[in-house]
Amino acid sequence: MTKIVAGGILVVGLLSLTGCFEQEIKTTEYFKTHPDEMEKVITKCKKAEKMTDGQKQECENAFKAQAMLNHFKPASRGLFEDEPQDKNTTK
């Protein structure tokens, strides 16, 4: 009887520990608001030779966030007085 109880406690203990080692996968929205961490993850992803499914998903989210941030940068060069204008444009 004590072996069954000890085995049950061991199983419950091991199952509860597996949650401690799982990495929370950060979303695209998270990376859009944390660009420094996004750059760190992208650098890590580019260097990685092997990745878990969770790591692959996080890399994909970081790359998507980077693409979104780069896509939405304003293309206002020369439209405002304090910005330099291109030499090829006229006023």
N, C-alpha and C. Protein backbone atom coordinates (compact mmCIF):
# COMPACT_ATOMS: atom_id res chain seq x y z
N MET A 1 0.82 -1.20 0.00
CA MET A 1 0.00 0.00 0.00
C MET A 1 0.86 1.26 0.00
N THR A 2 1.94 1.26 0.78
CA THR A 2 2.81 2.45 0.83
C THR A 2 3.51 2.66 -0.50
N LYS A 3 3.77 1.57 -1.23
CA LYS A 3 4.40 1.72 -2.55
C LYS A 3 3.46 2.44 -3.52
N ILE A 4 2.18 2.13 -3.43
CA ILE A 4 1.21 2.77 -4.31
C ILE A 4 1.10 4.26 -3.99
N VAL A 5 1.05 4.59 -2.71
CA VAL A 5 0.96 5.99 -2.30
C VAL A 5 2.23 6.74 -2.70
N ALA A 6 3.39 6.12 -2.46
CA ALA A 6 4.66 6.75 -2.82
C ALA A 6 4.74 6.95 -4.33
N GLY A 7 4.30 5.96 -5.09
CA GLY A 7 4.30 6.07 -6.55
C GLY A 7 3.37 7.18 -7.02
N GLY A 8 2.21 7.29 -6.39
CA GLY A 8 1.26 8.35 -6.74
C GLY A 8 1.82 9.72 -6.45
N ILE A 9 2.48 9.86 -5.31
CA ILE A 9 3.10 11.14 -4.96
C ILE A 9 4.20 11.48 -5.95
N LEU A 10 4.98 10.49 -6.34
CA LEU A 10 6.06 10.70 -7.31
C LEU A 10 5.50 11.17 -8.66
N VAL A 11 4.45 10.52 -9.11
CA VAL A 11 3.84 10.89 -10.40
C VAL A 11 3.29 12.31 -10.34
N VAL A 12 2.58 12.64 -9.28
CA VAL A 12 2.02 13.99 -9.14
C VAL A 12 3.14 15.02 -9.08
N GLY A 13 4.21 14.70 -8.36
CA GLY A 13 5.35 15.62 -8.26
C GLY A 13 6.01 15.85 -9.60
N LEU A 14 6.20 14.79 -10.37
CA LEU A 14 6.83 14.93 -11.68
C LEU A 14 5.94 15.71 -12.65
N LEU A 15 4.65 15.46 -12.60
CA LEU A 15 3.74 16.19 -13.48
C LEU A 15 3.70 17.67 -13.14
N SER A 16 3.79 18.00 -11.87
CA SER A 16 3.77 19.42 -11.50
C SER A 16 5.08 20.10 -11.89
N LEU A 17 6.17 19.38 -11.92
CA LEU A 17 7.46 19.96 -12.31
C LEU A 17 7.54 20.22 -13.81
N THR A 18 6.84 19.45 -14.61
CA THR A 18 6.93 19.66 -16.06
C THR A 18 6.43 21.04 -16.45
N GLY A 19 5.49 21.58 -15.73
CA GLY A 19 5.00 22.93 -16.00
C GLY A 19 6.04 23.99 -15.72
N CYS A 20 6.98 23.71 -14.83
CA CYS A 20 8.02 24.69 -14.49
C CYS A 20 9.02 24.88 -15.61
N PHE A 21 9.17 23.88 -16.46
CA PHE A 21 10.19 23.93 -17.50
C PHE A 21 9.64 24.38 -18.85
N GLU A 22 8.33 24.53 -18.95
CA GLU A 22 7.75 24.99 -20.20
C GLU A 22 7.95 26.48 -20.34
N GLN A 23 8.38 26.89 -21.50
CA GLN A 23 8.61 28.31 -21.77
C GLN A 23 7.31 28.93 -22.27
N GLU A 24 6.99 30.09 -21.74
CA GLU A 24 5.82 30.81 -22.23
C GLU A 24 6.17 31.41 -23.58
N ILE A 25 5.38 31.11 -24.58
CA ILE A 25 5.63 31.61 -25.93
C ILE A 25 5.09 33.03 -26.02
N LYS A 26 5.96 33.95 -26.34
CA LYS A 26 5.57 35.35 -26.43
C LYS A 26 4.90 35.60 -27.79
N THR A 27 3.90 36.44 -27.76
CA THR A 27 3.10 36.71 -28.96
C THR A 27 3.73 37.82 -29.81
N THR A 28 3.20 37.97 -31.01
CA THR A 28 3.61 39.05 -31.89
C THR A 28 3.33 40.40 -31.24
N GLU A 29 2.18 40.51 -30.60
CA GLU A 29 1.83 41.77 -29.92
C GLU A 29 2.83 42.10 -28.82
N TYR A 30 3.27 41.07 -28.08
CA TYR A 30 4.26 41.29 -27.03
C TYR A 30 5.54 41.86 -27.62
N PHE A 31 6.01 41.24 -28.70
CA PHE A 31 7.27 41.69 -29.31
C PHE A 31 7.14 43.09 -29.89
N LYS A 32 5.96 43.44 -30.39
CA LYS A 32 5.77 44.79 -30.94
C LYS A 32 5.93 45.85 -29.85
N THR A 33 5.61 45.51 -28.62
CA THR A 33 5.74 46.47 -27.52
C THR A 33 7.03 46.31 -26.73
N HIS A 34 7.84 45.31 -27.07
CA HIS A 34 9.13 45.08 -26.42
C HIS A 34 10.20 44.86 -27.49
N PRO A 35 10.56 45.90 -28.25
CA PRO A 35 11.47 45.74 -29.39
C PRO A 35 12.87 45.26 -29.00
N ASP A 36 13.35 45.62 -27.81
CA ASP A 36 14.69 45.15 -27.40
C ASP A 36 14.71 43.64 -27.26
N GLU A 37 13.67 43.10 -26.63
CA GLU A 37 13.59 41.65 -26.48
C GLU A 37 13.36 40.98 -27.83
N MET A 38 12.61 41.62 -28.70
CA MET A 38 12.37 41.09 -30.04
C MET A 38 13.70 40.91 -30.78
N GLU A 39 14.56 41.92 -30.70
CA GLU A 39 15.86 41.84 -31.38
C GLU A 39 16.73 40.72 -30.80
N LYS A 40 16.69 40.55 -29.47
CA LYS A 40 17.46 39.47 -28.84
C LYS A 40 16.98 38.11 -29.32
N VAL A 41 15.67 37.93 -29.38
CA VAL A 41 15.11 36.66 -29.82
C VAL A 41 15.44 36.40 -31.28
N ILE A 42 15.35 37.42 -32.12
CA ILE A 42 15.67 37.26 -33.54
C ILE A 42 17.13 36.85 -33.72
N THR A 43 18.02 37.49 -32.99
CA THR A 43 19.44 37.14 -33.06
C THR A 43 19.64 35.69 -32.64
N LYS A 44 18.98 35.29 -31.57
CA LYS A 44 19.08 33.92 -31.06
C LYS A 44 18.52 32.93 -32.09
N CYS A 45 17.42 33.29 -32.73
CA CYS A 45 16.79 32.41 -33.72
C CYS A 45 17.70 32.20 -34.93
N LYS A 46 18.36 33.26 -35.36
CA LYS A 46 19.24 33.17 -36.52
C LYS A 46 20.44 32.27 -36.25
N LYS A 47 20.87 32.20 -34.99
CA LYS A 47 22.04 31.40 -34.63
C LYS A 47 21.69 29.95 -34.30
N ALA A 48 20.43 29.68 -33.99
CA ALA A 48 20.02 28.36 -33.52
C ALA A 48 20.11 27.32 -34.63
N GLU A 49 20.65 26.17 -34.26
CA GLU A 49 20.71 25.06 -35.20
C GLU A 49 19.51 24.13 -35.03
N LYS A 50 19.06 23.98 -33.78
CA LYS A 50 17.89 23.15 -33.48
C LYS A 50 16.97 23.95 -32.58
N MET A 51 15.66 23.77 -32.79
CA MET A 51 14.67 24.46 -31.96
C MET A 51 13.50 23.54 -31.66
N THR A 52 12.91 23.74 -30.50
CA THR A 52 11.67 23.04 -30.17
C THR A 52 10.53 23.72 -30.93
N ASP A 53 9.38 23.09 -30.92
CA ASP A 53 8.22 23.70 -31.58
C ASP A 53 7.88 25.04 -30.95
N GLY A 54 8.00 25.13 -29.63
CA GLY A 54 7.73 26.39 -28.94
C GLY A 54 8.71 27.49 -29.34
N GLN A 55 9.98 27.13 -29.47
CA GLN A 55 10.99 28.10 -29.89
C GLN A 55 10.74 28.56 -31.32
N LYS A 56 10.35 27.63 -32.18
CA LYS A 56 10.04 27.98 -33.57
C LYS A 56 8.88 28.97 -33.62
N GLN A 57 7.85 28.72 -32.81
CA GLN A 57 6.69 29.62 -32.78
C GLN A 57 7.08 31.00 -32.29
N GLU A 58 7.93 31.05 -31.25
CA GLU A 58 8.36 32.34 -30.72
C GLU A 58 9.21 33.09 -31.75
N CYS A 59 10.07 32.39 -32.45
CA CYS A 59 10.87 33.02 -33.51
C CYS A 59 9.96 33.59 -34.59
N GLU A 60 8.98 32.81 -34.99
CA GLU A 60 8.04 33.27 -36.01
C GLU A 60 7.30 34.53 -35.54
N ASN A 61 6.91 34.55 -34.27
CA ASN A 61 6.22 35.72 -33.72
C ASN A 61 7.13 36.94 -33.70
N ALA A 62 8.40 36.74 -33.35
CA ALA A 62 9.36 37.86 -33.32
C ALA A 62 9.59 38.40 -34.73
N PHE A 63 9.74 37.52 -35.71
CA PHE A 63 9.94 37.96 -37.09
C PHE A 63 8.71 38.68 -37.63
N LYS A 64 7.51 38.20 -37.29
CA LYS A 64 6.28 38.87 -37.72
C LYS A 64 6.20 40.28 -37.12
N ALA A 65 6.54 40.38 -35.83
CA ALA A 65 6.49 41.69 -35.17
C ALA A 65 7.48 42.65 -35.82
N GLN A 66 8.66 42.15 -36.14
CA GLN A 66 9.67 42.99 -36.79
C GLN A 66 9.16 43.49 -38.15
N ALA A 67 8.56 42.59 -38.90
CA ALA A 67 8.02 42.96 -40.21
C ALA A 67 6.92 44.01 -40.07
N MET A 68 6.07 43.84 -39.08
CA MET A 68 4.99 44.81 -38.86
C MET A 68 5.55 46.16 -38.46
N LEU A 69 6.53 46.17 -37.57
CA LEU A 69 7.11 47.43 -37.13
C LEU A 69 7.83 48.14 -38.27
N ASN A 70 8.54 47.39 -39.10
CA ASN A 70 9.24 47.98 -40.23
C ASN A 70 8.26 48.47 -41.30
N HIS A 71 7.18 47.76 -41.47
CA HIS A 71 6.18 48.12 -42.47
C HIS A 71 5.46 49.41 -42.10
N PHE A 72 5.24 49.63 -40.82
CA PHE A 72 4.47 50.78 -40.38
C PHE A 72 5.30 51.99 -40.01
N LYS A 73 6.60 51.97 -40.29
CA LYS A 73 7.41 53.16 -40.06
C LYS A 73 6.97 54.23 -41.06
N PRO A 74 6.75 55.43 -40.60
CA PRO A 74 6.26 56.46 -41.52
C PRO A 74 7.27 56.81 -42.60
N ALA A 75 6.79 56.91 -43.80
CA ALA A 75 7.64 57.29 -44.93
C ALA A 75 7.45 58.77 -45.18
N SER A 76 7.83 59.58 -44.21
CA SER A 76 7.55 61.02 -44.28
C SER A 76 8.79 61.83 -44.62
N ARG A 77 9.80 61.20 -45.11
CA ARG A 77 11.06 61.90 -45.37
C ARG A 77 10.84 63.14 -46.24
N GLY A 78 11.20 64.30 -45.69
CA GLY A 78 11.12 65.54 -46.44
C GLY A 78 9.76 66.22 -46.39
N LEU A 79 8.79 65.64 -45.72
CA LEU A 79 7.46 66.25 -45.69
C LEU A 79 7.33 67.30 -44.59
N PHE A 80 8.24 67.27 -43.65
CA PHE A 80 8.18 68.22 -42.55
C PHE A 80 9.38 69.15 -42.62
N GLU A 81 9.23 70.35 -42.13
CA GLU A 81 10.27 71.38 -42.27
C GLU A 81 11.60 70.99 -41.65
N ASP A 82 11.58 70.30 -40.51
CA ASP A 82 12.83 69.98 -39.84
C ASP A 82 13.49 68.70 -40.35
N GLU A 83 12.91 68.07 -41.37
CA GLU A 83 13.52 66.88 -41.95
C GLU A 83 14.21 67.27 -43.26
N PRO A 84 15.38 66.69 -43.52
CA PRO A 84 16.07 67.00 -44.78
C PRO A 84 15.30 66.44 -45.97
N GLN A 85 15.29 67.18 -47.04
CA GLN A 85 14.61 66.72 -48.25
C GLN A 85 15.62 66.11 -49.21
N ASP A 86 15.13 65.21 -50.04
CA ASP A 86 15.99 64.63 -51.06
C ASP A 86 16.38 65.71 -52.05
N LYS A 87 17.57 65.60 -52.61
CA LYS A 87 18.06 66.59 -53.57
C LYS A 87 17.28 66.54 -54.88
N ASN A 88 16.68 65.39 -55.18
CA ASN A 88 15.98 65.21 -56.45
C ASN A 88 14.55 65.75 -56.43
N THR A 89 14.07 66.20 -55.27
CA THR A 89 12.69 66.68 -55.21
C THR A 89 12.67 68.20 -55.26
N THR A 90 11.56 68.73 -55.71
CA THR A 90 11.40 70.19 -55.77
C THR A 90 10.33 70.61 -54.78
N LYS A 91 10.40 71.88 -54.37
CA LYS A 91 9.40 72.41 -53.43
C LYS A 91 8.20 72.92 -54.17
